[in-house]
């Protein structure tokens, strides 16, 4: 199939300029202003940004085991709708993705039925229990790109040290969920005046910050690169910034809800705003934005965490943590960061495409001649209000329902073929 994308503004991590893109047999063969050629499909991208397909380094597809929340088909459709062409899914499935059989199941199903590239992340420890190392070498051979016990922290520092040593041996990325459960103490939202007013047990910011520091110290001692998940606090940003100043190999991510919402979203016992780590204060949001802009926080991930409404329409104390993020991540980030002037579109591409691919060590996230055509066309001129009922995801748990945003993904191209155009899907 030959595709010509014409008159769009091509955005890479290095430039933004008007170029035409010609794709043949899945490969970008021409990237040139005003280039024209006969094609099977011509996509007019005038007024739109043409981006390297977005790469999500942190999501939950819930398959196997929790398909009532999401599965690989619905999850990858949701990802494609949001402009993601590659996603890395966490290991907290049932059974846990802590062995090669589950990893191969995910890869094989994604290749047969998925709408985007799926890269599994294997568990650090068996059953996510934080006690005994998972079969990291076997999972690497089966196809994992990283290891993580996300959803839980490996609290035993000796075990975490061994995790890092084995990760270095097998050359896989280490993705750290930083949370001291003893300090969480059954908390359900950010600790502070609001949690007191609402009569809810709070979660100390120190529970996150202590484990960020612990993992950075181990990284320094062992010389092992680490990646910190979903950073939510101002001091957490400061710890990471100081580590980078001292040459420690640490990268970090945050999510759109941590730079667009505060704990106030939980008012009225709104369980859609219950996430882990919890939404924090205004000063934390400001620090997260500053950290994104100065490079302390390297990437934006979704932490797409689908839940059935029966798990959210309950008392705040027992509601599940998490929100769906694929279909809102790019418009929220564009609206909050680019339209406000905090960063350029090119810098946003670095955060949501190029750098995540580098951290996962996958050959994605770039628009270049000779590269596979994974491309997202994004129209920044469409203003609308988020409507969860229109989500492709099986789950609708989002605090952004009714939230005004700018920018919409109109086409997602995977392997040189449109997988999604204006909400219509082609496998």
Protein backbone atom coordinates (compact mmCIF):
# COMPACT_ATOMS: atom_id res chain seq x y z
CA UNK A 1 0.00 0.00 0.00
CA UNK A 2 1.23 3.47 -0.93
CA UNK A 3 0.15 6.40 1.25
CA UNK A 4 0.81 10.11 0.77
CA UNK A 5 0.36 12.42 3.75
CA UNK A 6 0.37 15.94 2.39
CA UNK A 7 0.43 19.53 3.65
CA UNK A 8 0.79 18.66 7.34
CA UNK A 9 3.27 20.12 9.84
CA UNK A 10 5.68 17.29 10.62
CA UNK A 11 6.82 17.46 14.24
CA UNK A 12 9.86 15.61 15.55
CA UNK A 13 11.86 16.18 18.71
CA UNK A 14 14.12 18.40 16.58
CA UNK A 15 11.85 20.48 14.33
CA UNK A 16 8.37 21.48 13.22
CA UNK A 17 7.97 22.12 9.50
CA UNK A 18 5.63 21.52 6.61
CA UNK A 19 6.55 18.31 4.81
CA UNK A 20 4.87 15.61 2.76
CA UNK A 21 5.38 11.98 3.75
CA UNK A 22 5.31 9.10 1.29
CA UNK A 23 4.88 5.60 2.68
CA UNK A 24 5.47 2.45 0.65
CA UNK A 25 5.14 -1.10 1.99
CA UNK A 26 5.00 0.23 5.52
CA UNK A 27 8.22 2.25 5.27
CA UNK A 28 8.69 6.03 5.06
CA UNK A 29 10.45 6.46 1.72
CA UNK A 30 10.15 10.24 1.25
CA UNK A 31 10.05 13.09 3.73
CA UNK A 32 10.14 16.26 1.70
CA UNK A 33 8.29 19.54 1.29
CA UNK A 34 5.88 19.56 -1.68
CA UNK A 35 6.74 15.96 -2.64
CA UNK A 36 3.94 14.40 -4.66
CA UNK A 37 3.48 10.90 -6.06
CA UNK A 38 0.67 8.56 -7.02
CA UNK A 39 -0.67 6.74 -3.99
CA UNK A 40 -3.41 4.31 -3.04
CA UNK A 41 -4.45 6.69 -0.27
CA UNK A 42 -3.89 10.44 0.03
CA UNK A 43 -4.38 11.95 3.48
CA UNK A 44 -4.79 15.71 3.56
CA UNK A 45 -3.22 16.89 6.81
CA UNK A 46 -3.46 20.63 6.18
CA UNK A 47 -3.75 22.47 9.49
CA UNK A 48 -2.73 19.35 11.42
CA UNK A 49 0.40 18.13 13.13
CA UNK A 50 1.93 14.91 11.81
CA UNK A 51 3.65 13.22 14.74
CA UNK A 52 5.73 10.12 15.28
CA UNK A 53 3.26 7.62 16.74
CA UNK A 54 2.93 8.13 20.47
CA UNK A 55 4.63 5.62 22.77
CA UNK A 56 3.12 4.85 26.18
CA UNK A 57 5.67 3.39 28.57
CA UNK A 58 3.10 2.58 31.26
CA UNK A 59 -0.38 1.15 30.84
CA UNK A 60 -2.62 -1.71 31.98
CA UNK A 61 -4.41 -3.80 29.36
CA UNK A 62 -5.92 -6.18 31.98
CA UNK A 63 -5.45 -9.19 29.70
CA UNK A 64 -5.24 -12.01 30.80
CA UNK A 65 -7.60 -12.30 33.72
CA UNK A 66 -9.53 -9.05 33.94
CA UNK A 67 -11.08 -8.86 30.48
CA UNK A 68 -14.31 -7.47 31.91
CA UNK A 69 -12.36 -4.22 32.47
CA UNK A 70 -10.31 -4.24 29.26
CA UNK A 71 -8.67 -6.68 26.88
CA UNK A 72 -5.98 -6.44 24.25
CA UNK A 73 -8.48 -5.68 21.48
CA UNK A 74 -10.41 -2.94 23.29
CA UNK A 75 -7.26 -1.57 24.92
CA UNK A 76 -5.31 -1.26 21.69
CA UNK A 77 -8.34 0.29 19.97
CA UNK A 78 -8.47 2.85 22.76
CA UNK A 79 -4.73 3.46 22.38
CA UNK A 80 -5.08 3.97 18.62
CA UNK A 81 -7.94 6.40 19.18
CA UNK A 82 -5.61 8.44 21.40
CA UNK A 83 -2.78 8.45 18.86
CA UNK A 84 -0.63 5.78 20.50
CA UNK A 85 1.03 3.34 18.14
CA UNK A 86 3.10 1.50 20.77
CA UNK A 87 2.16 0.67 24.36
CA UNK A 88 4.02 -1.14 27.15
CA UNK A 89 1.65 -3.05 29.44
CA UNK A 90 2.28 -3.77 33.10
CA UNK A 91 2.45 -7.21 34.67
CA UNK A 92 -0.43 -7.08 37.19
CA UNK A 93 -2.64 -9.45 35.23
CA UNK A 94 -4.15 -12.76 36.36
CA UNK A 95 -2.08 -14.86 36.16
CA UNK A 96 0.68 -12.36 36.78
CA UNK A 97 3.02 -11.78 33.83
CA UNK A 98 5.97 -13.23 35.73
CA UNK A 99 6.84 -16.06 33.34
CA UNK A 100 7.43 -16.66 29.65
CA UNK A 101 4.05 -18.36 29.05
CA UNK A 102 2.05 -15.28 29.99
CA UNK A 103 4.43 -13.01 28.10
CA UNK A 104 4.04 -15.10 24.95
CA UNK A 105 0.25 -15.09 25.36
CA UNK A 106 0.23 -11.28 25.43
CA UNK A 107 2.56 -10.94 22.45
CA UNK A 108 0.79 -13.56 20.34
CA UNK A 109 -2.67 -12.17 21.03
CA UNK A 110 -1.53 -8.61 20.33
CA UNK A 111 0.01 -9.67 17.02
CA UNK A 112 -3.19 -11.46 16.00
CA UNK A 113 -5.82 -9.08 17.27
CA UNK A 114 -4.20 -5.83 18.39
CA UNK A 115 -4.48 -2.45 16.70
CA UNK A 116 -1.12 -1.09 17.89
CA UNK A 117 2.27 -2.51 18.89
CA UNK A 118 2.19 -4.09 22.36
CA UNK A 119 5.37 -4.50 24.41
CA UNK A 120 4.93 -6.51 27.63
CA UNK A 121 6.59 -5.53 30.88
CA UNK A 122 7.44 -8.52 33.05
CA UNK A 123 7.14 -8.70 36.82
CA UNK A 124 10.18 -8.12 39.00
CA UNK A 125 9.08 -10.71 41.54
CA UNK A 126 6.93 -13.82 41.43
CA UNK A 127 3.28 -13.01 41.92
CA UNK A 128 4.21 -9.35 42.52
CA UNK A 129 4.84 -10.38 46.13
CA UNK A 130 8.22 -8.67 46.45
CA UNK A 131 9.87 -11.81 47.80
CA UNK A 132 11.36 -14.04 45.10
CA UNK A 133 12.72 -12.87 41.74
CA UNK A 134 10.70 -13.70 38.66
CA UNK A 135 12.34 -15.52 35.74
CA UNK A 136 13.77 -12.33 34.24
CA UNK A 137 16.07 -14.05 31.75
CA UNK A 138 13.34 -16.30 30.36
CA UNK A 139 10.94 -13.37 30.08
CA UNK A 140 13.58 -11.35 28.24
CA UNK A 141 13.94 -14.18 25.73
CA UNK A 142 10.13 -14.29 25.41
CA UNK A 143 9.98 -10.59 24.55
CA UNK A 144 9.68 -8.25 27.55
CA UNK A 145 11.11 -4.72 27.24
CA UNK A 146 11.25 -3.95 30.97
CA UNK A 147 10.46 -5.26 34.44
CA UNK A 148 8.19 -3.72 37.06
CA UNK A 149 5.97 -4.70 39.97
CA UNK A 150 3.86 -1.63 39.24
CA UNK A 151 0.84 -1.44 41.48
CA UNK A 152 3.11 -2.60 44.26
CA UNK A 153 6.54 -1.60 45.49
CA UNK A 154 9.37 -4.05 46.13
CA UNK A 155 9.80 -2.88 49.72
CA UNK A 156 12.58 -5.29 50.70
CA UNK A 157 15.73 -3.39 49.70
CA UNK A 158 17.80 -6.56 49.43
CA UNK A 159 15.31 -8.01 46.93
CA UNK A 160 15.25 -4.72 45.01
CA UNK A 161 19.04 -4.77 44.84
CA UNK A 162 18.94 -8.25 43.32
CA UNK A 163 16.26 -7.12 40.84
CA UNK A 164 18.56 -4.38 39.60
CA UNK A 165 21.54 -6.72 39.37
CA UNK A 166 19.61 -9.22 37.27
CA UNK A 167 18.15 -6.45 35.12
CA UNK A 168 21.68 -5.26 34.36
CA UNK A 169 22.71 -8.82 33.49
CA UNK A 170 19.84 -9.24 31.03
CA UNK A 171 19.79 -5.63 29.79
CA UNK A 172 16.17 -4.79 30.57
CA UNK A 173 14.79 -1.49 31.81
CA UNK A 174 13.89 -1.23 35.51
CA UNK A 175 10.59 0.60 36.12
CA UNK A 176 10.03 1.47 39.77
CA UNK A 177 6.70 1.89 41.55
CA UNK A 178 7.78 3.93 44.57
CA UNK A 179 5.50 3.51 47.56
CA UNK A 180 6.18 2.60 51.19
CA UNK A 181 3.01 0.73 52.15
CA UNK A 182 3.80 1.10 55.85
CA UNK A 183 3.54 4.87 55.46
CA UNK A 184 0.44 4.60 53.29
CA UNK A 185 -1.35 3.05 56.29
CA UNK A 186 -4.54 2.27 54.39
CA UNK A 187 -4.78 5.86 53.16
CA UNK A 188 -7.03 6.59 50.20
CA UNK A 189 -6.22 10.19 49.16
CA UNK A 190 -3.57 12.86 49.70
CA UNK A 191 -2.90 13.59 53.35
CA UNK A 192 -3.88 17.11 54.35
CA UNK A 193 -6.67 19.45 55.36
CA UNK A 194 -9.02 18.13 52.68
CA UNK A 195 -8.64 14.48 53.69
CA UNK A 196 -9.35 15.54 57.28
CA UNK A 197 -12.44 17.50 56.25
CA UNK A 198 -13.70 14.53 54.23
CA UNK A 199 -13.03 12.11 57.07
CA UNK A 200 -10.74 9.98 54.93
CA UNK A 201 -7.38 8.50 55.86
CA UNK A 202 -4.59 10.38 54.07
CA UNK A 203 -1.49 9.18 52.22
CA UNK A 204 1.73 10.94 53.16
CA UNK A 205 3.85 12.32 50.33
CA UNK A 206 6.81 10.79 52.16
CA UNK A 207 5.52 7.32 51.26
CA UNK A 208 6.43 8.06 47.63
CA UNK A 209 9.50 10.21 48.20
CA UNK A 210 11.31 7.78 50.52
CA UNK A 211 11.13 5.00 47.94
CA UNK A 212 12.20 7.31 45.10
CA UNK A 213 15.30 8.11 47.18
CA UNK A 214 15.88 4.42 48.05
CA UNK A 215 15.79 3.30 44.44
CA UNK A 216 18.05 6.16 43.33
CA UNK A 217 20.59 5.19 45.99
CA UNK A 218 20.57 1.58 44.79
CA UNK A 219 20.90 2.75 41.18
CA UNK A 220 23.95 4.82 42.13
CA UNK A 221 25.56 1.98 44.04
CA UNK A 222 25.01 -0.60 41.29
CA UNK A 223 25.38 1.61 38.21
CA UNK A 224 21.99 0.44 36.94
CA UNK A 225 19.66 2.84 35.09
CA UNK A 226 16.19 3.09 36.62
CA UNK A 227 12.92 4.71 35.60
CA UNK A 228 10.57 6.17 38.23
CA UNK A 229 6.82 5.76 37.68
CA UNK A 230 4.07 8.37 38.05
CA UNK A 231 5.88 11.10 39.99
CA UNK A 232 3.33 13.22 41.87
CA UNK A 233 5.11 15.36 44.49
CA UNK A 234 7.26 18.49 44.40
CA UNK A 235 9.95 16.97 46.61
CA UNK A 236 9.97 13.83 44.51
CA UNK A 237 10.84 16.04 41.53
CA UNK A 238 13.59 17.67 43.59
CA UNK A 239 15.11 14.32 44.57
CA UNK A 240 15.22 13.22 40.92
CA UNK A 241 16.64 16.57 39.82
CA UNK A 242 19.45 16.32 42.37
CA UNK A 243 20.20 12.73 41.31
CA UNK A 244 20.52 13.80 37.69
CA UNK A 245 22.85 16.64 38.69
CA UNK A 246 25.06 14.02 40.30
CA UNK A 247 25.17 11.85 37.20
CA UNK A 248 22.91 9.06 38.44
CA UNK A 249 21.16 7.20 35.62
CA UNK A 250 17.56 7.95 36.48
CA UNK A 251 14.62 8.86 34.27
CA UNK A 252 11.11 9.69 35.41
CA UNK A 253 7.55 9.95 34.21
CA UNK A 254 4.38 11.69 35.25
CA UNK A 255 0.81 11.44 33.94
CA UNK A 256 -1.63 14.08 32.68
CA UNK A 257 -3.75 13.93 35.84
CA UNK A 258 -0.76 14.99 37.93
CA UNK A 259 -0.33 18.26 36.02
CA UNK A 260 -4.00 19.04 35.37
CA UNK A 261 -5.79 18.10 38.62
CA UNK A 262 -5.32 18.59 42.35
CA UNK A 263 -6.81 16.73 45.29
CA UNK A 264 -9.83 19.05 44.95
CA UNK A 265 -11.06 16.68 42.22
CA UNK A 266 -11.85 14.22 45.05
CA UNK A 267 -14.40 16.59 46.59
CA UNK A 268 -17.86 15.11 46.80
CA UNK A 269 -16.17 11.72 47.26
CA UNK A 270 -15.55 11.53 43.52
CA UNK A 271 -14.07 8.06 43.09
CA UNK A 272 -13.14 8.80 39.47
CA UNK A 273 -10.36 10.95 40.93
CA UNK A 274 -9.07 8.18 43.18
CA UNK A 275 -5.67 7.18 41.82
CA UNK A 276 -2.37 5.81 43.12
CA UNK A 277 -0.31 7.82 43.92
CA UNK A 278 -3.09 10.23 44.84
CA UNK A 279 -3.73 13.64 43.34
CA UNK A 280 -1.72 16.17 45.31
CA UNK A 281 -1.71 19.96 45.98
CA UNK A 282 -1.37 23.01 43.74
CA UNK A 283 2.32 23.39 44.57
CA UNK A 284 2.93 19.80 43.50
CA UNK A 285 1.15 20.38 40.17
CA UNK A 286 3.30 23.46 39.58
CA UNK A 287 6.46 21.50 40.39
CA UNK A 288 5.44 18.69 38.04
CA UNK A 289 4.96 21.17 35.19
CA UNK A 290 8.30 22.82 35.96
CA UNK A 291 9.97 19.39 36.10
CA UNK A 292 8.56 18.51 32.68
CA UNK A 293 9.80 21.78 31.21
CA UNK A 294 13.33 21.64 32.64
CA UNK A 295 13.85 17.97 31.76
CA UNK A 296 13.78 16.53 35.28
CA UNK A 297 10.69 14.54 34.30
CA UNK A 298 11.54 12.85 31.02
CA UNK A 299 8.22 11.53 29.74
CA UNK A 300 4.45 11.61 29.99
CA UNK A 301 2.79 8.21 30.41
CA UNK A 302 -0.91 7.44 30.73
CA UNK A 303 -1.01 4.81 33.51
CA UNK A 304 -4.19 3.74 31.68
CA UNK A 305 -5.98 1.75 34.38
CA UNK A 306 -9.46 0.58 33.35
CA UNK A 307 -12.00 -0.46 35.98
CA UNK A 308 -15.60 -1.60 35.73
CA UNK A 309 -18.05 0.99 37.04
CA UNK A 310 -19.09 -1.43 39.79
CA UNK A 311 -15.56 -0.99 41.19
CA UNK A 312 -15.86 2.81 41.14
CA UNK A 313 -19.51 3.37 42.10
CA UNK A 314 -18.86 2.41 45.70
CA UNK A 315 -17.68 4.14 48.88
CA UNK A 316 -14.46 6.11 48.38
CA UNK A 317 -12.58 3.95 50.88
CA UNK A 318 -13.11 0.74 48.89
CA UNK A 319 -13.16 2.11 45.33
CA UNK A 320 -10.45 0.89 42.95
CA UNK A 321 -7.52 3.18 42.17
CA UNK A 322 -6.97 4.36 38.61
CA UNK A 323 -8.36 6.05 35.53
CA UNK A 324 -8.46 5.40 31.79
CA UNK A 325 -5.96 7.58 29.97
CA UNK A 326 -5.30 6.58 26.35
CA UNK A 327 -7.98 8.74 24.75
CA UNK A 328 -7.38 11.88 26.82
CA UNK A 329 -3.58 12.00 27.27
CA UNK A 330 -2.64 13.92 24.13
CA UNK A 331 -5.45 16.54 24.17
CA UNK A 332 -4.94 17.12 27.91
CA UNK A 333 -1.18 17.49 27.48
CA UNK A 334 -1.55 19.74 24.43
CA UNK A 335 -4.12 21.93 26.18
CA UNK A 336 -2.27 22.18 29.50
CA UNK A 337 1.31 22.42 28.25
CA UNK A 338 1.48 23.60 24.63
CA UNK A 339 -1.49 25.99 24.36
CA UNK A 340 -0.40 27.61 27.63
CA UNK A 341 3.12 28.17 26.29
CA UNK A 342 4.95 25.96 28.77
CA UNK A 343 6.48 23.89 25.95
CA UNK A 344 6.55 23.56 22.18
CA UNK A 345 4.85 20.80 20.21
CA UNK A 346 8.30 19.43 19.45
CA UNK A 347 9.06 19.18 23.17
CA UNK A 348 5.74 17.40 23.74
CA UNK A 349 6.65 14.86 21.04
CA UNK A 350 9.90 14.26 22.89
CA UNK A 351 7.93 13.55 26.09
CA UNK A 352 5.27 11.33 24.52
CA UNK A 353 7.07 9.56 21.69
CA UNK A 354 10.83 9.83 21.26
CA UNK A 355 12.02 9.58 24.85
CA UNK A 356 9.62 6.80 25.95
CA UNK A 357 10.91 4.71 23.06
CA UNK A 358 14.49 5.35 24.18
CA UNK A 359 13.71 4.35 27.77
CA UNK A 360 12.05 1.12 26.61
CA UNK A 361 14.90 0.57 24.09
CA UNK A 362 12.54 0.06 21.17
CA UNK A 363 12.99 1.36 17.62
CA UNK A 364 9.98 3.66 17.67
CA UNK A 365 9.16 7.32 18.19
CA UNK A 366 10.77 8.87 15.11
CA UNK A 367 9.71 10.08 11.68
CA UNK A 368 12.64 9.41 9.34
CA UNK A 369 13.18 8.02 5.87
CA UNK A 370 13.77 4.29 6.11
CA UNK A 371 11.81 3.91 9.35
CA UNK A 372 8.57 1.99 9.77
CA UNK A 373 5.61 4.33 9.40
CA UNK A 374 4.03 4.64 12.85
CA UNK A 375 2.38 8.05 12.58
CA UNK A 376 -0.27 10.11 14.34
CA UNK A 377 -2.17 12.96 12.69
CA UNK A 378 -3.40 15.47 15.27
CA UNK A 379 -5.62 18.45 14.52
CA UNK A 380 -4.97 21.14 17.17
CA UNK A 381 -7.86 23.31 16.01
CA UNK A 382 -10.72 21.09 17.19
CA UNK A 383 -12.16 22.24 20.51
CA UNK A 384 -14.53 19.90 22.35
CA UNK A 385 -15.63 18.60 25.72
CA UNK A 386 -14.47 15.14 26.83
CA UNK A 387 -17.35 12.66 26.86
CA UNK A 388 -16.55 9.33 28.53
CA UNK A 389 -19.54 7.70 26.81
CA UNK A 390 -17.65 8.08 23.53
CA UNK A 391 -14.54 6.26 24.77
CA UNK A 392 -13.58 3.12 22.86
CA UNK A 393 -12.19 1.58 26.05
CA UNK A 394 -14.48 -0.91 27.79
CA UNK A 395 -14.14 1.21 30.92
CA UNK A 396 -15.23 4.83 31.41
CA UNK A 397 -13.55 5.66 34.73
CA UNK A 398 -12.22 9.16 34.12
CA UNK A 399 -12.40 12.36 36.17
CA UNK A 400 -12.18 14.36 32.93
CA UNK A 401 -15.77 13.88 31.80
CA UNK A 402 -17.01 17.34 30.75
CA UNK A 403 -13.45 18.73 30.65
CA UNK A 404 -12.88 21.21 27.76
CA UNK A 405 -9.81 20.45 25.62
CA UNK A 406 -8.24 21.37 22.30
CA UNK A 407 -6.86 18.95 19.73
CA UNK A 408 -8.05 15.63 18.38
CA UNK A 409 -6.35 12.65 16.79
CA UNK A 410 -7.85 12.14 13.34
CA UNK A 411 -5.69 9.30 11.98
CA UNK A 412 -3.40 6.69 13.50
CA UNK A 413 -1.07 4.77 11.20
CA UNK A 414 0.63 1.57 12.40
CA UNK A 415 3.10 -0.36 10.24
CA UNK A 416 2.28 1.94 7.34
CA UNK A 417 -1.46 1.22 7.45
CA UNK A 418 -4.24 3.39 8.90
CA UNK A 419 -5.53 1.51 11.92
CA UNK A 420 -7.93 4.31 12.91
CA UNK A 421 -9.42 7.18 10.88
CA UNK A 422 -11.98 9.48 12.45
CA UNK A 423 -13.02 6.78 14.89
CA UNK A 424 -13.40 4.00 12.32
CA UNK A 425 -11.09 1.04 12.73
CA UNK A 426 -9.33 -1.20 10.24
CA UNK A 427 -7.41 -4.26 11.42
